[in-house]
PDB file of N, CA and C in Angstrom:
ATOM      1  N   MET A   1      13.572  68.707 118.756  1.00  0.00           N
ATOM      2  CA  MET A   1      13.007  67.640 119.457  1.00  0.00           C
ATOM      3  C   MET A   1      14.005  66.772 120.153  1.00  0.00           C
ATOM      4  N   CYS A   2      14.771  66.085 119.312  1.00  0.00           N
ATOM      5  CA  CYS A   2      15.875  65.134 119.950  1.00  0.00           C
ATOM      6  C   CYS A   2      17.182  65.533 119.352  1.00  0.00           C
ATOM      7  N   ARG A   3      17.974  66.070 120.132  1.00  0.00           N
ATOM      8  CA  ARG A   3      19.289  66.564 119.653  1.00  0.00           C
ATOM      9  C   ARG A   3      20.189  65.413 119.292  1.00  0.00           C
ATOM     10  N   ASN A   4      19.930  64.156 119.700  1.00  0.00           N
ATOM     11  CA  ASN A   4      20.793  63.112 119.469  1.00  0.00           C
ATOM     12  C   ASN A   4      20.681  62.324 118.236  1.00  0.00           C
ATOM     13  N   ILE A   5      19.648  62.731 117.530  1.00  0.00           N
ATOM     14  CA  ILE A   5      19.454  61.967 116.167  1.00  0.00           C
ATOM     15  C   ILE A   5      20.599  62.596 115.240  1.00  0.00           C
ATOM     16  N   THR A   6      21.385  61.788 114.621  1.00  0.00           N
ATOM     17  CA  THR A   6      22.495  62.379 113.807  1.00  0.00           C
ATOM     18  C   THR A   6      22.015  62.613 112.368  1.00  0.00           C
ATOM     19  N   THR A   7      22.437  63.563 111.694  1.00  0.00           N
ATOM     20  CA  THR A   7      22.136  63.810 110.327  1.00  0.00           C
ATOM     21  C   THR A   7      22.748  62.745 109.411  1.00  0.00           C
ATOM     22  N   LEU A   8      22.012  62.148 108.589  1.00  0.00           N
ATOM     23  CA  LEU A   8      22.438  61.143 107.827  1.00  0.00           C
ATOM     24  C   LEU A   8      22.743  61.506 106.318  1.00  0.00           C
ATOM     25  N   ARG A   9      22.160  62.557 105.947  1.00  0.00           N
ATOM     26  CA  ARG A   9      22.277  63.031 104.561  1.00  0.00           C
ATOM     27  C   ARG A   9      23.781  63.660 104.440  1.00  0.00           C
ATOM     28  N   GLY A  10      24.380  63.167 103.340  1.00  0.00           N
ATOM     29  CA  GLY A  10      25.668  63.741 102.974  1.00  0.00           C
ATOM     30  C   GLY A  10      26.776  62.917 103.555  1.00  0.00           C
ATOM     31  N   LEU A  11      26.537  61.876 104.102  1.00  0.00           N
ATOM     32  CA  LEU A  11      27.685  61.003 104.704  1.00  0.00           C
ATOM     33  C   LEU A  11      28.367  60.363 103.509  1.00  0.00           C
ATOM     34  N   GLU A  12      29.703  60.152 103.722  1.00  0.00           N
ATOM     35  CA  GLU A  12      30.527  59.391 102.722  1.00  0.00           C
ATOM     36  C   GLU A  12      31.141  58.262 103.529  1.00  0.00           C
ATOM     37  N   PRO A  13      30.894  57.033 103.160  1.00  0.00           N
ATOM     38  CA  PRO A  13      29.919  56.534 102.173  1.00  0.00           C
ATOM     39  C   PRO A  13      28.516  56.852 102.741  1.00  0.00           C
ATOM     40  N   ALA A  14      27.631  56.717 101.828  1.00  0.00           N
ATOM     41  CA  ALA A  14      26.183  57.033 102.154  1.00  0.00           C
ATOM     42  C   ALA A  14      25.643  56.228 103.352  1.00  0.00           C
ATOM     43  N   ALA A  15      24.693  56.678 104.078  1.00  0.00           N
ATOM     44  CA  ALA A  15      24.157  56.139 105.261  1.00  0.00           C
ATOM     45  C   ALA A  15      23.644  54.638 104.790  1.00  0.00           C
ATOM     46  N   THR A  16      23.823  53.759 105.714  1.00  0.00           N
ATOM     47  CA  THR A  16      23.467  52.382 105.516  1.00  0.00           C
ATOM     48  C   THR A  16      21.949  52.196 105.986  1.00  0.00           C
ATOM     49  N   GLY A  17      21.422  51.157 105.508  1.00  0.00           N
ATOM     50  CA  GLY A  17      20.035  50.745 106.050  1.00  0.00           C
ATOM     51  C   GLY A  17      19.948  50.684 107.560  1.00  0.00           C
ATOM     52  N   GLU A  18      21.032  50.120 108.173  1.00  0.00           N
ATOM     53  CA  GLU A  18      21.171  49.876 109.523  1.00  0.00           C
ATOM     54  C   GLU A  18      21.078  51.299 110.291  1.00  0.00           C
ATOM     55  N   GLU A  19      21.840  52.240 109.771  1.00  0.00           N
ATOM     56  CA  GLU A  19      22.006  53.567 110.372  1.00  0.00           C
ATOM     57  C   GLU A  19      20.654  54.258 110.183  1.00  0.00           C
ATOM     58  N   ILE A  20      19.981  54.100 109.046  1.00  0.00           N
ATOM     59  CA  ILE A  20      18.644  54.763 108.967  1.00  0.00           C
ATOM     60  C   ILE A  20      17.581  54.139 109.895  1.00  0.00           C
ATOM     61  N   GLU A  21      17.683  52.859 110.063  1.00  0.00           N
ATOM     62  CA  GLU A  21      16.740  52.118 110.945  1.00  0.00           C
ATOM     63  C   GLU A  21      16.976  52.559 112.369  1.00  0.00           C
ATOM     64  N   ALA A  22      18.192  52.659 112.737  1.00  0.00           N
ATOM     65  CA  ALA A  22      18.659  53.132 114.093  1.00  0.00           C
ATOM     66  C   ALA A  22      18.099  54.506 114.374  1.00  0.00           C
ATOM     67  N   GLY A  23      18.171  55.511 113.439  1.00  0.00           N
ATOM     68  CA  GLY A  23      17.601  56.746 113.517  1.00  0.00           C
ATOM     69  C   GLY A  23      16.165  56.809 113.717  1.00  0.00           C
ATOM     70  N   ALA A  24      15.447  55.993 112.935  1.00  0.00           N
ATOM     71  CA  ALA A  24      14.053  55.778 112.920  1.00  0.00           C
ATOM     72  C   ALA A  24      13.672  55.267 114.226  1.00  0.00           C
ATOM     73  N   ARG A  25      14.280  54.274 114.800  1.00  0.00           N
ATOM     74  CA  ARG A  25      13.947  53.703 116.060  1.00  0.00           C
ATOM     75  C   ARG A  25      14.125  54.695 117.205  1.00  0.00           C
ATOM     76  N   GLN A  26      15.216  55.431 117.121  1.00  0.00           N
ATOM     77  CA  GLN A  26      15.381  56.435 118.119  1.00  0.00           C
ATOM     78  C   GLN A  26      14.259  57.548 118.017  1.00  0.00           C
ATOM     79  N   TYR A  27      13.801  57.887 116.930  1.00  0.00           N
ATOM     80  CA  TYR A  27      12.791  58.807 116.773  1.00  0.00           C
ATOM     81  C   TYR A  27      11.450  58.217 117.283  1.00  0.00           C
ATOM     82  N   VAL A  28      11.045  57.103 117.117  1.00  0.00           N
ATOM     83  CA  VAL A  28       9.889  56.372 117.519  1.00  0.00           C
ATOM     84  C   VAL A  28       9.968  56.400 118.994  1.00  0.00           C
ATOM     85  N   ARG A  29      11.100  55.982 119.552  1.00  0.00           N
ATOM     86  CA  ARG A  29      11.250  55.937 120.987  1.00  0.00           C
ATOM     87  C   ARG A  29      10.931  57.297 121.645  1.00  0.00           C
ATOM     88  N   LYS A  30      11.458  58.300 121.052  1.00  0.00           N
ATOM     89  CA  LYS A  30      11.249  59.649 121.651  1.00  0.00           C
ATOM     90  C   LYS A  30       9.853  60.103 121.576  1.00  0.00           C
ATOM     91  N   ILE A  31       9.253  59.987 120.352  1.00  0.00           N
ATOM     92  CA  ILE A  31       7.817  60.598 120.359  1.00  0.00           C
ATOM     93  C   ILE A  31       6.785  59.619 121.092  1.00  0.00           C
ATOM     94  N   THR A  32       7.074  58.315 121.207  1.00  0.00           N
ATOM     95  CA  THR A  32       6.081  57.468 122.056  1.00  0.00           C
ATOM     96  C   THR A  32       6.353  57.288 123.424  1.00  0.00           C
ATOM     97  N   GLY A  33       7.601  57.565 123.924  1.00  0.00           N
ATOM     98  CA  GLY A  33       8.011  57.420 125.193  1.00  0.00           C
ATOM     99  C   GLY A  33       8.203  55.908 125.623  1.00  0.00           C
ATOM    100  N   VAL A  34       8.259  55.006 124.630  1.00  0.00           N
ATOM    101  CA  VAL A  34       8.406  53.651 124.786  1.00  0.00           C
ATOM    102  C   VAL A  34       9.889  53.314 124.608  1.00  0.00           C
ATOM    103  N   GLN A  35      10.694  52.823 125.680  1.00  0.00           N
ATOM    104  CA  GLN A  35      11.957  52.628 125.633  1.00  0.00           C
ATOM    105  C   GLN A  35      12.124  51.119 125.420  1.00  0.00           C
ATOM    106  N   LYS A  36      11.234  50.344 126.001  1.00  0.00           N
ATOM    107  CA  LYS A  36      11.289  48.820 125.872  1.00  0.00           C
ATOM    108  C   LYS A  36       9.877  48.442 125.531  1.00  0.00           C
ATOM    109  N   THR A  37       9.732  47.636 124.415  1.00  0.00           N
ATOM    110  CA  THR A  37       8.509  47.349 124.110  1.00  0.00           C
ATOM    111  C   THR A  37       7.873  46.185 124.835  1.00  0.00           C
ATOM    112  N   SER A  38       6.601  46.147 125.019  1.00  0.00           N
ATOM    113  CA  SER A  38       5.826  45.043 125.607  1.00  0.00           C
ATOM    114  C   SER A  38       4.999  44.292 124.712  1.00  0.00           C
ATOM    115  N   ALA A  39       4.291  43.391 125.059  1.00  0.00           N
ATOM    116  CA  ALA A  39       3.440  42.602 124.093  1.00  0.00           C
ATOM    117  C   ALA A  39       2.322  43.545 123.638  1.00  0.00           C
ATOM    118  N   ALA A  40       1.961  44.457 124.425  1.00  0.00           N
ATOM    119  CA  ALA A  40       0.878  45.449 123.937  1.00  0.00           C
ATOM    120  C   ALA A  40       1.418  46.558 123.024  1.00  0.00           C
ATOM    121  N   THR A  41       2.780  46.758 123.058  1.00  0.00           N
ATOM    122  CA  THR A  41       3.284  48.001 122.181  1.00  0.00           C
ATOM    123  C   THR A  41       4.101  47.471 121.038  1.00  0.00           C
ATOM    124  N   GLU A  42       4.679  46.180 121.089  1.00  0.00           N
ATOM    125  CA  GLU A  42       5.711  45.840 120.115  1.00  0.00           C
ATOM    126  C   GLU A  42       5.183  45.922 118.634  1.00  0.00           C
ATOM    127  N   GLU A  43       3.996  45.405 118.370  1.00  0.00           N
ATOM    128  CA  GLU A  43       3.616  45.464 116.869  1.00  0.00           C
ATOM    129  C   GLU A  43       3.564  46.888 116.352  1.00  0.00           C
ATOM    130  N   ALA A  44       2.884  47.744 117.137  1.00  0.00           N
ATOM    131  CA  ALA A  44       2.725  49.074 116.597  1.00  0.00           C
ATOM    132  C   ALA A  44       4.040  49.901 116.579  1.00  0.00           C
ATOM    133  N   PHE A  45       4.952  49.634 117.534  1.00  0.00           N
ATOM    134  CA  PHE A  45       6.217  50.118 117.533  1.00  0.00           C
ATOM    135  C   PHE A  45       6.966  49.761 116.374  1.00  0.00           C
ATOM    136  N   GLU A  46       7.064  48.479 116.204  1.00  0.00           N
ATOM    137  CA  GLU A  46       7.884  47.997 115.050  1.00  0.00           C
ATOM    138  C   GLU A  46       7.399  48.371 113.664  1.00  0.00           C
ATOM    139  N   ARG A  47       6.027  48.463 113.558  1.00  0.00           N
ATOM    140  CA  ARG A  47       5.447  48.928 112.269  1.00  0.00           C
ATOM    141  C   ARG A  47       5.891  50.324 112.077  1.00  0.00           C
ATOM    142  N   ALA A  48       5.738  51.179 113.121  1.00  0.00           N
ATOM    143  CA  ALA A  48       6.153  52.607 112.949  1.00  0.00           C
ATOM    144  C   ALA A  48       7.677  52.788 112.658  1.00  0.00           C
ATOM    145  N   VAL A  49       8.498  51.947 113.168  1.00  0.00           N
ATOM    146  CA  VAL A  49       9.965  51.916 112.796  1.00  0.00           C
ATOM    147  C   VAL A  49      10.162  51.647 111.394  1.00  0.00           C
ATOM    148  N   ALA A  50       9.497  50.537 110.900  1.00  0.00           N
ATOM    149  CA  ALA A  50       9.593  50.106 109.516  1.00  0.00           C
ATOM    150  C   ALA A  50       9.077  51.206 108.445  1.00  0.00           C
ATOM    151  N   GLU A  51       8.033  51.770 108.852  1.00  0.00           N
ATOM    152  CA  GLU A  51       7.406  52.985 108.032  1.00  0.00           C
ATOM    153  C   GLU A  51       8.374  54.109 107.941  1.00  0.00           C
ATOM    154  N   ILE A  52       8.896  54.556 109.081  1.00  0.00           N
ATOM    155  CA  ILE A  52       9.756  55.722 109.178  1.00  0.00           C
ATOM    156  C   ILE A  52      11.055  55.376 108.433  1.00  0.00           C
ATOM    157  N   THR A  53      11.531  54.178 108.608  1.00  0.00           N
ATOM    158  CA  THR A  53      12.758  53.830 107.937  1.00  0.00           C
ATOM    159  C   THR A  53      12.600  53.927 106.408  1.00  0.00           C
ATOM    160  N   ALA A  54      11.490  53.442 105.942  1.00  0.00           N
ATOM    161  CA  ALA A  54      11.228  53.409 104.555  1.00  0.00           C
ATOM    162  C   ALA A  54      11.093  54.887 103.950  1.00  0.00           C
ATOM    163  N   ILE A  55      10.439  55.768 104.735  1.00  0.00           N
ATOM    164  CA  ILE A  55      10.235  57.139 104.222  1.00  0.00           C
ATOM    165  C   ILE A  55      11.601  57.885 104.451  1.00  0.00           C
ATOM    166  N   SER A  56      12.371  57.516 105.459  1.00  0.00           N
ATOM    167  CA  SER A  56      13.699  58.151 105.627  1.00  0.00           C
ATOM    168  C   SER A  56      14.587  57.813 104.481  1.00  0.00           C
ATOM    169  N   THR A  57      14.605  56.605 104.116  1.00  0.00           N
ATOM    170  CA  THR A  57      15.413  55.978 102.977  1.00  0.00           C
ATOM    171  C   THR A  57      15.025  56.760 101.739  1.00  0.00           C
ATOM    172  N   ARG A  58      13.737  56.885 101.546  1.00  0.00           N
ATOM    173  CA  ARG A  58      13.257  57.496 100.237  1.00  0.00           C
ATOM    174  C   ARG A  58      13.723  58.861 100.180  1.00  0.00           C
ATOM    175  N   VAL A  59      13.486  59.624 101.211  1.00  0.00           N
ATOM    176  CA  VAL A  59      13.883  61.140 101.244  1.00  0.00           C
ATOM    177  C   VAL A  59      15.337  61.406 101.092  1.00  0.00           C
ATOM    178  N   LEU A  60      16.203  60.430 101.722  1.00  0.00           N
ATOM    179  CA  LEU A  60      17.599  60.545 101.606  1.00  0.00           C
ATOM    180  C   LEU A  60      18.108  60.376 100.149  1.00  0.00           C
ATOM    181  N   THR A  61      17.398  59.531  99.406  1.00  0.00           N
ATOM    182  CA  THR A  61      17.789  59.262  98.001  1.00  0.00           C
ATOM    183  C   THR A  61      17.279  60.381  97.062  1.00  0.00           C
ATOM    184  N   GLU A  62      16.120  60.983  97.495  1.00  0.00           N
ATOM    185  CA  GLU A  62      15.502  61.976  96.580  1.00  0.00           C
ATOM    186  C   GLU A  62      16.166  63.416  96.721  1.00  0.00           C
ATOM    187  N   LEU A  63      16.718  63.677  97.870  1.00  0.00           N
ATOM    188  CA  LEU A  63      17.374  64.981  98.144  1.00  0.00           C
ATOM    189  C   LEU A  63      18.638  65.192  97.346  1.00  0.00           C
ATOM    190  N   PRO A  64      18.963  66.346  96.940  1.00  0.00           N
ATOM    191  CA  PRO A  64      20.215  66.552  96.318  1.00  0.00           C
ATOM    192  C   PRO A  64      21.324  66.412  97.251  1.00  0.00           C
ATOM    193  N   PRO A  65      22.722  66.211  96.751  1.00  0.00           N
ATOM    194  CA  PRO A  65      23.755  66.057  97.596  1.00  0.00           C
ATOM    195  C   PRO A  65      23.996  67.323  98.500  1.00  0.00           C
ATOM    196  N   ARG A  66      24.481  67.162  99.599  1.00  0.00           N
ATOM    197  CA  ARG A  66      24.894  68.335 100.508  1.00  0.00           C
ATOM    198  C   ARG A  66      26.192  68.858  99.999  1.00  0.00           C
ATOM    199  N   LYS A  67      26.246  70.252 100.201  1.00  0.00           N
ATOM    200  CA  LYS A  67      27.614  70.873  99.945  1.00  0.00           C
ATOM    201  C   LYS A  67      28.693  70.647 100.964  1.00  0.00           C
ATOM    202  N   GLN A  68      28.173  70.483 102.154  1.00  0.00           N
ATOM    203  CA  GLN A  68      29.095  70.247 103.342  1.00  0.00           C
ATOM    204  C   GLN A  68      28.621  68.876 104.029  1.00  0.00           C
ATOM    205  N   PRO A  69      29.629  68.188 104.445  1.00  0.00           N
ATOM    206  CA  PRO A  69      29.218  66.846 105.143  1.00  0.00           C
ATOM    207  C   PRO A  69      28.652  67.258 106.571  1.00  0.00           C
ATOM    208  N   PRO A  70      27.939  66.270 107.058  1.00  0.00           N
ATOM    209  CA  PRO A  70      27.259  66.610 108.438  1.00  0.00           C
ATOM    210  C   PRO A  70      28.540  66.842 109.482  1.00  0.00           C
ATOM    211  N   LYS A  71      28.202  67.594 110.513  1.00  0.00           N
ATOM    212  CA  LYS A  71      29.223  67.992 111.480  1.00  0.00           C
ATOM    213  C   LYS A  71      29.564  66.826 112.473  1.00  0.00           C
ATOM    214  N   THR A  72      28.546  65.939 112.606  1.00  0.00           N
ATOM    215  CA  THR A  72      28.927  64.724 113.568  1.00  0.00           C
ATOM    216  C   THR A  72      28.796  63.424 112.826  1.00  0.00           C
ATOM    217  N   GLU A  73      29.642  62.560 113.320  1.00  0.00           N
ATOM    218  CA  GLU A  73      29.543  61.194 112.767  1.00  0.00           C
ATOM    219  C   GLU A  73      28.477  60.317 113.381  1.00  0.00           C
ATOM    220  N   PRO A  74      27.798  59.571 112.784  1.00  0.00           N
ATOM    221  CA  PRO A  74      26.772  58.681 113.313  1.00  0.00           C
ATOM    222  C   PRO A  74      27.386  57.799 114.387  1.00  0.00           C
ATOM    223  N   PRO A  75      26.639  57.514 115.540  1.00  0.00           N
ATOM    224  CA  PRO A  75      27.146  56.657 116.614  1.00  0.00           C
ATOM    225  C   PRO A  75      27.611  55.273 116.083  1.00  0.00           C
ATOM    226  N   MET A  76      26.965  54.608 115.158  1.00  0.00           N
ATOM    227  CA  MET A  76      27.428  53.377 114.668  1.00  0.00           C
ATOM    228  C   MET A  76      28.779  53.360 113.942  1.00  0.00           C
ATOM    229  N   ARG A  77      29.139  54.519 113.391  1.00  0.00           N
ATOM    230  CA  ARG A  77      30.379  54.713 112.677  1.00  0.00           C
ATOM    231  C   ARG A  77      31.401  55.063 113.763  1.00  0.00           C
ATOM    232  N   ARG A  78      31.081  55.709 114.796  1.00  0.00           N
ATOM    233  CA  ARG A  78      32.085  55.964 115.960  1.00  0.00           C
ATOM    234  C   ARG A  78      32.487  54.667 116.512  1.00  0.00           C
ATOM    235  N   LEU A  79      31.470  53.845 116.799  1.00  0.00           N
ATOM    236  CA  LEU A  79      31.819  52.567 117.461  1.00  0.00           C
ATOM    237  C   LEU A  79      32.589  51.614 116.615  1.00  0.00           C
ATOM    238  N   ALA A  80      32.301  51.566 115.309  1.00  0.00           N
ATOM    239  CA  ALA A  80      33.146  50.751 114.447  1.00  0.00           C
ATOM    240  C   ALA A  80      34.514  51.290 114.211  1.00  0.00           C
ATOM    241  N   ARG A  81      34.700  52.553 114.371  1.00  0.00           N
ATOM    242  CA  ARG A  81      36.053  53.190 114.157  1.00  0.00           C
ATOM    243  C   ARG A  81      36.904  52.927 115.431  1.00  0.00           C
ATOM    244  N   ARG A  82      36.268  52.741 116.592  1.00  0.00           N
ATOM    245  CA  ARG A  82      36.996  52.537 117.913  1.00  0.00           C
ATOM    246  C   ARG A  82      37.428  51.026 117.917  1.00  0.00           C
ATOM    247  N   ALA A  83      36.591  50.161 117.296  1.00  0.00           N
ATOM    248  CA  ALA A  83      36.891  48.740 117.426  1.00  0.00           C
ATOM    249  C   ALA A  83      38.039  48.301 116.634  1.00  0.00           C
TER     250      ALA A  83
END
């Protein structure tokens, strides 16, 4: 669906809440087609982001460790490394 969402499972150190929320936000943007929220879409959009963040956090903690780290580094870590 969206090739730009980075794999967060298996990162060292583990994915942060901020990274998980960023992935959830990108996912909700993609499936809804909403890039910038309006008064009519903001509440539903933010609720979806919060729910997907919580579910993603839970599944990342419940899955066993990966044998290989992800092939790509999350965008937030690439930006931090450059700074």
